N, C-alpha and C. Protein backbone atom coordinates (compact mmCIF):
# COMPACT_ATOMS: atom_id res chain seq x y z
N ARG A 1 0.32 -1.38 -0.32
CA ARG A 1 0.03 0.33 0.07
C ARG A 1 1.04 1.18 0.18
N THR A 2 -0.03 2.30 -0.40
CA THR A 2 0.75 3.76 -0.15
C THR A 2 0.87 4.35 1.00
N GLY A 3 0.84 3.88 2.35
CA GLY A 3 0.26 4.56 3.56
C GLY A 3 -0.29 5.17 3.41
N ARG A 4 -1.39 5.65 2.61
CA ARG A 4 -3.05 6.45 2.85
C ARG A 4 -3.99 5.09 2.91
N PRO A 5 -4.44 6.91 3.50
CA PRO A 5 -5.76 5.76 4.41
C PRO A 5 -6.90 4.84 3.66
N PHE A 6 -7.46 3.68 3.85
CA PHE A 6 -7.92 3.21 2.79
C PHE A 6 -8.83 3.21 2.35
N PHE A 7 -10.08 4.15 3.53
CA PHE A 7 -11.48 4.50 3.96
C PHE A 7 -11.45 6.07 4.20
N ASP A 8 -11.36 6.34 3.35
CA ASP A 8 -11.58 8.17 3.34
C ASP A 8 -12.42 8.92 4.79
N ASP A 9 -13.60 8.24 5.45
CA ASP A 9 -14.17 8.24 6.96
C ASP A 9 -13.29 7.43 8.03
N ARG A 10 -13.21 8.45 8.90
CA ARG A 10 -12.01 7.68 10.32
C ARG A 10 -12.65 6.59 10.84
N ALA A 11 -14.50 7.29 11.34
CA ALA A 11 -15.69 6.30 11.39
C ALA A 11 -15.49 4.49 11.06
N VAL A 12 -14.79 4.87 9.52
CA VAL A 12 -15.65 3.82 9.49
C VAL A 12 -14.27 2.88 9.58
N THR A 13 -12.86 3.06 9.74
CA THR A 13 -11.68 2.40 9.23
C THR A 13 -11.98 2.23 11.25
N GLU A 14 -12.53 3.29 12.03
CA GLU A 14 -12.30 2.65 13.11
C GLU A 14 -13.39 1.22 13.54
N GLU A 15 -14.38 1.67 13.15
CA GLU A 15 -15.41 0.03 13.00
C GLU A 15 -14.86 -1.27 12.52
N VAL A 16 -13.67 -1.16 11.56
CA VAL A 16 -13.11 -2.34 10.82
C VAL A 16 -11.98 -2.50 11.40
N LEU A 17 -10.93 -1.37 12.71
CA LEU A 17 -10.62 -1.87 13.16
C LEU A 17 -10.93 -2.54 15.01
N ALA A 18 -12.35 -2.33 15.41
CA ALA A 18 -12.24 -2.74 16.60
C ALA A 18 -13.53 -3.75 15.77
N ARG A 19 -14.30 -4.68 15.10
CA ARG A 19 -14.50 -5.73 14.28
C ARG A 19 -12.82 -6.38 14.40
N LEU A 20 -12.19 -6.14 14.05
CA LEU A 20 -10.72 -7.06 14.50
C LEU A 20 -10.26 -7.05 15.64
N ARG A 21 -10.30 -6.34 16.27
CA ARG A 21 -9.76 -6.67 17.28
C ARG A 21 -10.74 -7.35 18.23
N GLY A 22 -11.58 -7.17 17.93
CA GLY A 22 -13.14 -7.60 18.34
C GLY A 22 -12.50 -9.75 18.12
N ALA A 23 -11.92 -9.64 17.13
CA ALA A 23 -11.84 -11.02 16.48
C ALA A 23 -10.82 -11.79 17.44
N LEU A 24 -9.88 -10.88 17.20
CA LEU A 24 -8.41 -11.34 18.46
C LEU A 24 -9.01 -11.44 19.78
N ASP A 25 -9.53 -10.74 20.37
CA ASP A 25 -9.90 -10.49 21.45
C ASP A 25 -10.21 -12.12 21.92
N ALA A 26 -11.68 -12.99 20.58
CA ALA A 26 -12.34 -14.02 20.93
C ALA A 26 -11.70 -15.06 20.48
N SER A 27 -10.12 -14.75 20.08
CA SER A 27 -8.96 -15.93 19.35
C SER A 27 -8.17 -16.31 20.73
N GLY A 28 -8.11 -15.72 21.66
CA GLY A 28 -7.68 -15.46 22.67
C GLY A 28 -5.82 -14.79 22.24
N LEU A 29 -5.77 -14.70 21.17
CA LEU A 29 -4.19 -14.54 20.34
C LEU A 29 -3.61 -13.14 21.14
N TRP A 30 -4.33 -12.86 22.46
CA TRP A 30 -3.74 -11.55 22.65
C TRP A 30 -2.44 -12.12 23.60
N ASP A 31 -2.86 -13.10 24.90
CA ASP A 31 -2.64 -13.71 25.86
C ASP A 31 -1.32 -14.74 25.19
N GLU A 32 -2.14 -15.78 24.44
CA GLU A 32 -0.91 -16.95 23.45
C GLU A 32 0.22 -15.83 23.05
N LEU A 33 0.27 -15.27 23.21
CA LEU A 33 1.11 -13.74 21.82
C LEU A 33 1.61 -13.62 22.77
N ASP A 34 1.38 -12.75 23.75
CA ASP A 34 1.58 -12.19 25.03
C ASP A 34 2.07 -10.31 24.37
N THR A 35 1.07 -10.36 23.70
CA THR A 35 1.74 -8.51 23.31
C THR A 35 0.75 -7.90 23.21
N ASP A 36 0.39 -6.66 22.71
CA ASP A 36 -0.50 -5.80 23.01
C ASP A 36 -0.83 -5.37 21.59
N TRP A 37 0.05 -5.31 20.18
CA TRP A 37 -0.51 -5.34 18.72
C TRP A 37 -0.33 -6.61 17.95
N PHE A 38 -0.56 -6.53 17.14
CA PHE A 38 -0.59 -7.31 16.12
C PHE A 38 -0.28 -6.39 14.32
N LEU A 39 0.91 -7.05 14.02
CA LEU A 39 0.80 -6.70 12.54
C LEU A 39 1.09 -7.84 11.14
N LEU A 40 -0.77 -7.41 10.80
CA LEU A 40 -1.09 -8.14 9.87
C LEU A 40 -1.22 -8.13 8.57
N ASP A 41 -0.63 -9.77 7.92
CA ASP A 41 -0.98 -8.93 5.84
C ASP A 41 -1.76 -9.65 5.61
N GLY A 42 -3.13 -9.06 4.97
CA GLY A 42 -4.38 -9.12 5.03
C GLY A 42 -4.78 -8.73 3.63
N GLU A 43 -6.47 -9.23 2.87
CA GLU A 43 -7.34 -8.22 2.21
C GLU A 43 -7.80 -7.65 2.48
N LEU A 44 -8.26 -7.14 2.23
CA LEU A 44 -10.46 -7.11 3.25
C LEU A 44 -10.79 -6.76 1.45
N LEU A 45 -11.16 -7.14 1.92
CA LEU A 45 -12.76 -7.97 0.56
C LEU A 45 -13.89 -7.36 0.93
N PRO A 46 -14.99 -7.20 -0.58
CA PRO A 46 -14.60 -7.31 -1.47
C PRO A 46 -13.69 -6.58 -1.77
N TRP A 47 -12.99 -6.87 -3.17
CA TRP A 47 -12.06 -5.62 -3.89
C TRP A 47 -13.21 -4.86 -4.28
N SER A 48 -14.06 -4.93 -3.91
CA SER A 48 -15.14 -3.53 -4.98
C SER A 48 -15.75 -2.27 -4.05
N LEU A 49 -15.16 -2.80 -2.63
CA LEU A 49 -15.05 -1.35 -1.70
C LEU A 49 -15.00 -0.53 -1.94
N LYS A 50 -13.10 -0.64 -2.30
CA LYS A 50 -12.81 0.15 -2.71
C LYS A 50 -12.22 0.66 -3.47
N SER A 51 -11.80 -0.42 -4.89
CA SER A 51 -11.47 0.05 -5.97
C SER A 51 -11.56 -0.19 -7.35
N THR A 52 -13.35 -0.07 -7.39
CA THR A 52 -14.35 -0.46 -8.32
C THR A 52 -13.74 0.65 -9.34
N GLY A 53 -13.17 1.41 -9.65
CA GLY A 53 -12.55 2.06 -10.64
C GLY A 53 -11.00 0.85 -11.17
N LEU A 54 -10.71 0.17 -10.16
CA LEU A 54 -9.42 -0.39 -10.93
C LEU A 54 -10.23 -1.76 -11.84
N LEU A 55 -11.03 -2.16 -10.77
CA LEU A 55 -11.44 -3.29 -11.37
C LEU A 55 -12.49 -3.34 -13.00
N ARG A 56 -12.91 -1.89 -12.31
CA ARG A 56 -13.33 -2.03 -14.17
C ARG A 56 -12.75 -1.33 -15.33
N SER A 57 -11.34 -0.88 -14.84
CA SER A 57 -10.35 -0.29 -16.19
C SER A 57 -9.40 -1.58 -15.96
N GLN A 58 -9.47 -2.57 -15.44
CA GLN A 58 -8.04 -3.12 -15.63
C GLN A 58 -8.94 -4.86 -15.83
N TYR A 59 -9.52 -5.46 -15.04
CA TYR A 59 -10.43 -6.62 -14.52
C TYR A 59 -11.13 -6.48 -15.83
N ALA A 60 -12.11 -5.63 -15.28
CA ALA A 60 -12.92 -5.93 -15.94
C ALA A 60 -12.72 -5.81 -17.48
N ALA A 61 -11.86 -4.90 -18.07
CA ALA A 61 -11.95 -4.31 -19.57
C ALA A 61 -11.26 -5.90 -20.08
N VAL A 62 -10.46 -6.96 -19.63
CA VAL A 62 -10.16 -7.65 -19.99
C VAL A 62 -10.79 -8.25 -19.71
N GLY A 63 -11.86 -8.84 -19.36
CA GLY A 63 -12.53 -9.46 -19.37
C GLY A 63 -14.16 -9.37 -20.10
N ALA A 64 -14.19 -8.18 -19.85
CA ALA A 64 -14.95 -7.53 -21.83
C ALA A 64 -14.24 -7.67 -23.15
N ALA A 65 -13.14 -7.24 -23.00
CA ALA A 65 -12.01 -7.56 -23.94
C ALA A 65 -12.40 -9.42 -24.76
N ALA A 66 -12.32 -9.74 -23.99
CA ALA A 66 -11.81 -11.11 -24.59
C ALA A 66 -12.88 -11.74 -24.86
N GLY A 67 -14.36 -11.48 -24.42
CA GLY A 67 -15.50 -11.85 -23.97
C GLY A 67 -15.73 -11.43 -25.58
N ALA A 68 -15.91 -10.42 -26.30
CA ALA A 68 -15.58 -9.29 -27.48
C ALA A 68 -15.32 -9.89 -28.58
N VAL A 69 -13.97 -10.47 -28.48
CA VAL A 69 -13.19 -10.46 -29.45
C VAL A 69 -13.38 -12.47 -29.90
N PHE A 70 -12.74 -13.20 -28.86
CA PHE A 70 -12.88 -14.54 -28.70
C PHE A 70 -14.10 -15.46 -29.50
N PRO A 71 -14.94 -14.91 -29.12
CA PRO A 71 -16.06 -16.03 -30.13
C PRO A 71 -16.01 -15.45 -31.31
N GLY A 72 -16.05 -14.20 -32.18
CA GLY A 72 -16.13 -14.24 -33.37
C GLY A 72 -14.12 -15.08 -33.81
N ALA A 73 -13.59 -15.06 -32.79
CA ALA A 73 -12.18 -15.33 -33.56
C ALA A 73 -12.23 -16.74 -33.57
N LEU A 74 -12.88 -17.36 -32.60
CA LEU A 74 -13.06 -18.80 -32.54
C LEU A 74 -13.21 -19.04 -33.91
N ALA A 75 -14.72 -18.88 -34.02
CA ALA A 75 -15.62 -19.45 -35.03
C ALA A 75 -14.67 -19.44 -36.64
N ALA A 76 -13.68 -18.19 -36.55
CA ALA A 76 -13.42 -17.98 -37.84
C ALA A 76 -11.86 -18.38 -38.00
N LEU A 77 -11.38 -18.92 -36.92
CA LEU A 77 -10.42 -20.34 -37.10
C LEU A 77 -10.72 -21.53 -37.58
N ASP A 78 -11.98 -22.03 -36.87
CA ASP A 78 -13.09 -23.31 -37.15
C ASP A 78 -13.69 -23.10 -38.47
N GLU A 79 -14.03 -21.70 -39.42
CA GLU A 79 -14.36 -21.71 -40.66
C GLU A 79 -13.20 -22.72 -41.18
N ALA A 80 -12.11 -21.09 -41.18
CA ALA A 80 -10.58 -21.94 -41.56
C ALA A 80 -10.33 -23.47 -41.68
N GLU A 81 -10.74 -24.38 -40.54
CA GLU A 81 -10.29 -25.51 -40.41
C GLU A 81 -10.53 -26.33 -41.36
N LYS A 82 -12.24 -25.87 -41.66
CA LYS A 82 -12.58 -26.27 -42.35
C LYS A 82 -13.00 -26.21 -43.72
N ARG A 83 -12.33 -25.98 -44.60
CA ARG A 83 -12.11 -24.96 -45.33
C ARG A 83 -10.52 -25.92 -45.98
N GLY A 84 -9.77 -26.71 -44.95
CA GLY A 84 -9.10 -27.06 -44.94
C GLY A 84 -7.53 -25.99 -45.10
N VAL A 85 -7.95 -25.13 -44.04
CA VAL A 85 -6.36 -23.90 -44.44
C VAL A 85 -5.72 -24.94 -42.72
N ASP A 86 -4.41 -24.88 -43.16
CA ASP A 86 -3.74 -25.72 -41.92
C ASP A 86 -3.08 -24.35 -41.18
N LEU A 87 -3.70 -24.03 -40.01
CA LEU A 87 -3.81 -23.44 -39.40
C LEU A 87 -2.77 -24.12 -38.01
N GLY A 88 -1.46 -24.98 -37.94
CA GLY A 88 -0.83 -25.72 -37.25
C GLY A 88 -1.99 -25.53 -35.90
N ASP A 89 -1.33 -25.02 -35.12
CA ASP A 89 -1.78 -25.21 -33.78
C ASP A 89 -2.44 -23.64 -32.74
N LEU A 90 -2.44 -23.32 -33.80
CA LEU A 90 -3.15 -21.84 -33.82
C LEU A 90 -4.85 -21.88 -32.91
N GLY A 91 -5.41 -22.74 -33.64
CA GLY A 91 -6.71 -23.12 -33.05
C GLY A 91 -6.49 -22.87 -31.56
N GLU A 92 -6.46 -24.09 -31.46
CA GLU A 92 -6.03 -24.92 -30.31
C GLU A 92 -5.22 -23.51 -29.40
N ARG A 93 -4.56 -23.00 -29.80
CA ARG A 93 -3.84 -22.18 -28.71
C ARG A 93 -4.49 -20.94 -27.99
N GLN A 94 -5.57 -20.51 -29.62
CA GLN A 94 -6.84 -19.31 -29.59
C GLN A 94 -7.88 -19.83 -28.38
N ARG A 95 -8.30 -20.66 -28.43
CA ARG A 95 -9.27 -21.85 -27.88
C ARG A 95 -8.27 -21.65 -26.26
N GLU A 96 -7.15 -22.02 -25.96
CA GLU A 96 -7.12 -22.18 -24.88
C GLU A 96 -6.82 -20.73 -23.44
N ARG A 97 -6.04 -19.93 -25.36
CA ARG A 97 -6.56 -18.33 -24.24
C ARG A 97 -7.68 -18.24 -24.10
N ALA A 98 -8.67 -18.28 -24.63
CA ALA A 98 -10.24 -18.25 -24.15
C ALA A 98 -11.08 -18.69 -23.23
N GLY A 99 -10.22 -19.45 -22.59
CA GLY A 99 -10.36 -20.77 -21.70
C GLY A 99 -9.84 -19.91 -20.20
N ASP A 100 -8.35 -19.34 -21.04
CA ASP A 100 -7.87 -18.49 -19.39
C ASP A 100 -8.37 -17.29 -19.60
N ALA A 101 -8.84 -16.57 -20.50
CA ALA A 101 -9.86 -15.32 -20.04
C ALA A 101 -10.86 -15.73 -19.58
N ALA A 102 -11.45 -16.53 -19.69
CA ALA A 102 -13.24 -16.96 -18.92
C ALA A 102 -12.71 -17.21 -17.88
N ALA A 103 -11.67 -18.26 -16.83
CA ALA A 103 -10.87 -18.31 -15.99
C ALA A 103 -10.73 -17.37 -15.42
N PHE A 104 -9.87 -16.15 -15.79
CA PHE A 104 -9.01 -15.27 -15.01
C PHE A 104 -10.81 -14.12 -14.32
N THR A 105 -12.21 -14.20 -15.57
CA THR A 105 -12.77 -13.24 -15.03
C THR A 105 -13.37 -13.84 -14.26
N GLU A 106 -14.13 -14.87 -13.81
CA GLU A 106 -14.95 -15.67 -13.38
C GLU A 106 -13.70 -15.91 -11.57
N ALA A 107 -12.65 -15.62 -11.84
CA ALA A 107 -11.31 -15.91 -10.39
C ALA A 107 -11.58 -14.36 -9.75
N TYR A 108 -11.69 -13.18 -9.97
CA TYR A 108 -11.69 -12.08 -9.66
C TYR A 108 -13.14 -11.48 -8.95
N ARG A 109 -13.92 -12.31 -9.60
CA ARG A 109 -16.01 -12.13 -9.88
C ARG A 109 -15.90 -12.53 -8.65
N ARG A 110 -14.42 -13.40 -8.09
CA ARG A 110 -14.90 -14.26 -6.37
C ARG A 110 -14.51 -13.57 -5.67
N TYR A 111 -14.46 -12.57 -5.37
CA TYR A 111 -13.48 -11.40 -4.76
C TYR A 111 -14.70 -10.40 -4.38
N CYS A 112 -15.93 -9.98 -5.44
CA CYS A 112 -16.57 -9.13 -5.69
C CYS A 112 -17.63 -8.99 -5.21
N TRP A 113 -18.51 -8.37 -4.24
CA TRP A 113 -19.89 -8.50 -3.91
C TRP A 113 -20.41 -6.97 -3.59
N PRO A 114 -21.66 -6.99 -3.68
CA PRO A 114 -22.14 -5.52 -3.35
C PRO A 114 -21.86 -5.67 -1.15
N VAL A 115 -21.77 -4.78 -1.11
CA VAL A 115 -22.15 -4.54 0.22
C VAL A 115 -23.08 -3.04 0.77
N ARG A 116 -23.30 -2.74 1.99
CA ARG A 116 -24.19 -1.47 2.07
C ARG A 116 -23.15 -1.83 3.23
N GLY A 117 -22.90 -0.10 3.58
CA GLY A 117 -21.83 -0.01 4.77
C GLY A 117 -20.75 -1.14 5.38
N LEU A 118 -20.69 -1.51 6.04
CA LEU A 118 -19.94 -2.48 6.01
C LEU A 118 -20.13 -4.20 6.03
N ASP A 119 -21.25 -4.05 5.70
CA ASP A 119 -22.02 -5.72 6.07
C ASP A 119 -22.03 -5.97 4.79
N GLY A 120 -20.84 -7.26 5.08
CA GLY A 120 -20.64 -8.13 4.06
C GLY A 120 -18.97 -8.17 3.79
N VAL A 121 -18.65 -6.52 4.68
CA VAL A 121 -16.92 -6.65 4.84
C VAL A 121 -16.04 -8.16 5.29
N GLU A 122 -14.82 -8.29 4.88
CA GLU A 122 -14.26 -9.39 5.25
C GLU A 122 -13.36 -8.95 5.15
N PHE A 123 -12.02 -9.73 6.19
CA PHE A 123 -10.94 -9.31 6.61
C PHE A 123 -10.27 -11.06 6.10
N ALA A 124 -9.70 -11.10 5.12
CA ALA A 124 -9.00 -12.36 5.15
C ALA A 124 -7.60 -12.00 5.41
N PRO A 125 -6.89 -12.86 6.42
CA PRO A 125 -5.55 -12.53 6.40
C PRO A 125 -4.64 -13.68 5.98
N PHE A 126 -3.65 -13.39 5.67
CA PHE A 126 -2.42 -14.46 5.15
C PHE A 126 -1.65 -14.25 6.17
N GLN A 127 -1.00 -13.84 7.07
CA GLN A 127 0.16 -14.00 7.52
C GLN A 127 0.36 -13.26 9.30
N LEU A 128 0.10 -13.88 9.88
CA LEU A 128 1.05 -12.40 10.82
C LEU A 128 2.47 -12.16 10.98
N LEU A 129 2.95 -11.12 10.81
CA LEU A 129 4.20 -10.29 10.63
C LEU A 129 4.56 -10.54 11.91
N ALA A 130 4.23 -9.71 12.83
CA ALA A 130 4.94 -9.50 14.14
C ALA A 130 3.62 -9.31 14.86
N VAL A 131 4.30 -9.63 16.13
CA VAL A 131 3.95 -9.19 17.58
C VAL A 131 5.19 -8.03 18.89
N ARG A 132 4.56 -7.57 19.23
CA ARG A 132 5.66 -7.16 20.38
C ARG A 132 7.11 -7.62 20.58
N GLY A 133 8.24 -7.05 20.24
CA GLY A 133 9.48 -7.69 20.83
C GLY A 133 9.62 -8.90 19.41
N ARG A 134 8.73 -9.93 18.76
CA ARG A 134 9.15 -10.38 17.67
C ARG A 134 8.84 -10.84 16.39
N SER A 135 9.27 -10.89 15.04
CA SER A 135 8.81 -11.18 14.02
C SER A 135 7.56 -12.31 13.62
N LEU A 136 7.55 -13.18 12.74
CA LEU A 136 6.81 -14.13 13.08
C LEU A 136 7.02 -14.39 11.44
N ALA A 137 7.55 -13.67 10.41
CA ALA A 137 7.55 -13.71 9.19
C ALA A 137 7.66 -14.76 7.91
N ALA A 138 8.83 -15.49 9.49
CA ALA A 138 9.41 -17.24 9.16
C ALA A 138 8.79 -17.83 9.21
N VAL A 139 7.60 -17.66 10.21
CA VAL A 139 6.63 -18.92 10.53
C VAL A 139 5.53 -19.22 9.73
N PRO A 140 5.31 -20.61 9.18
CA PRO A 140 4.99 -21.02 7.48
C PRO A 140 3.51 -20.16 8.31
N HIS A 141 3.06 -20.18 6.97
CA HIS A 141 1.53 -19.80 7.36
C HIS A 141 0.16 -20.76 7.78
N ASP A 142 0.39 -21.93 7.12
CA ASP A 142 -0.18 -22.82 7.74
C ASP A 142 -0.39 -23.27 8.83
N THR A 143 1.00 -23.02 9.53
CA THR A 143 1.28 -23.17 10.99
C THR A 143 0.31 -21.95 11.61
N GLN A 144 0.40 -20.86 11.05
CA GLN A 144 -0.20 -19.88 11.46
C GLN A 144 -1.15 -19.68 11.83
N LEU A 145 -2.20 -20.15 10.88
CA LEU A 145 -3.95 -19.40 10.39
C LEU A 145 -3.55 -21.23 10.91
N ALA A 146 -3.44 -22.07 11.74
CA ALA A 146 -3.65 -23.27 12.09
C ALA A 146 -5.19 -22.86 13.23
């Protein structure tokens, strides 16, 4: 991140942090790790919460372009092959690319959903990086999240 606040409204930031503190309270990690602070690496979901413009201009644009181009291109390649034009593996490669583009679109859509306020907002932790007095960056993710 750039160091800029994630939310424009400080009250929203405080509510997200309060929910995260509540989850940490319920987990017992404060006592287990003998700490009064955590440095977490994670993802605030959905992506559409803050980055709608990025999603539209980069991710959705790729999916839309692929959806617009591949059906016609694949149909033209199929017709050429039916007429006996030797395309080598071009048709196969383009069908694979079309499948990859569809999978890409499906993948980013799983991280986007409509929210109203903070209802539906989730924090997906990747790793606990540090607590008071020690770094945990070298502890494997699966050990940390167990």
